[in-house]
Amino acid sequence: RIKKGGGVAIYADIDLRCTVLRRMKVTVENIYECLTL
């Protein structure tokens, strides 16, 4: 099965203090993934 869609990239500058909030990460297999910074 061919999957349609694309992706989004976010560049977080090294001077921007950020952390990945793993407890707020949501993944639905083969559907989407949400990552909170």
Protein backbone atom coordinates (compact mmCIF):
# COMPACT_ATOMS: atom_id res chain seq x y z
CA ARG A 1 0.00 0.00 0.00
CA ILE A 2 1.33 3.41 -0.96
CA LYS A 3 1.16 6.06 1.74
CA LYS A 4 0.36 9.63 0.78
CA GLY A 5 1.39 12.65 2.72
CA GLY A 6 4.47 14.45 3.74
CA GLY A 7 6.21 15.73 6.75
CA VAL A 8 7.02 18.86 8.61
CA ALA A 9 10.43 19.88 9.87
CA ILE A 10 11.02 22.41 12.61
CA TYR A 11 14.45 23.88 13.19
CA ALA A 12 15.08 24.84 16.82
CA ASP A 13 18.02 27.26 16.96
CA ILE A 14 20.76 26.27 19.40
CA ASP A 15 20.23 29.58 21.26
CA LEU A 16 16.59 28.70 21.87
CA ARG A 17 16.29 26.75 25.11
CA CYS A 18 13.93 23.87 24.51
CA THR A 19 13.30 20.34 25.71
CA VAL A 20 11.32 17.48 24.19
CA LEU A 21 8.40 16.72 26.51
CA ARG A 22 8.28 12.95 26.11
CA ARG A 23 5.16 12.62 28.26
CA MET A 24 3.32 14.75 25.69
CA LYS A 25 4.51 12.75 22.69
CA VAL A 26 1.68 11.01 20.85
CA THR A 27 2.16 8.39 18.15
CA VAL A 28 -0.54 6.57 16.21
CA GLU A 29 1.17 3.82 14.18
CA ASN A 30 1.17 4.63 10.44
CA ILE A 31 -1.07 7.67 11.01
CA TYR A 32 0.77 10.51 12.75
CA GLU A 33 3.27 11.51 15.38
CA CYS A 34 3.12 14.59 17.57
CA LEU A 35 6.24 15.82 19.34
CA THR A 36 6.03 18.70 21.83
CA LEU A 37 8.98 21.05 22.38
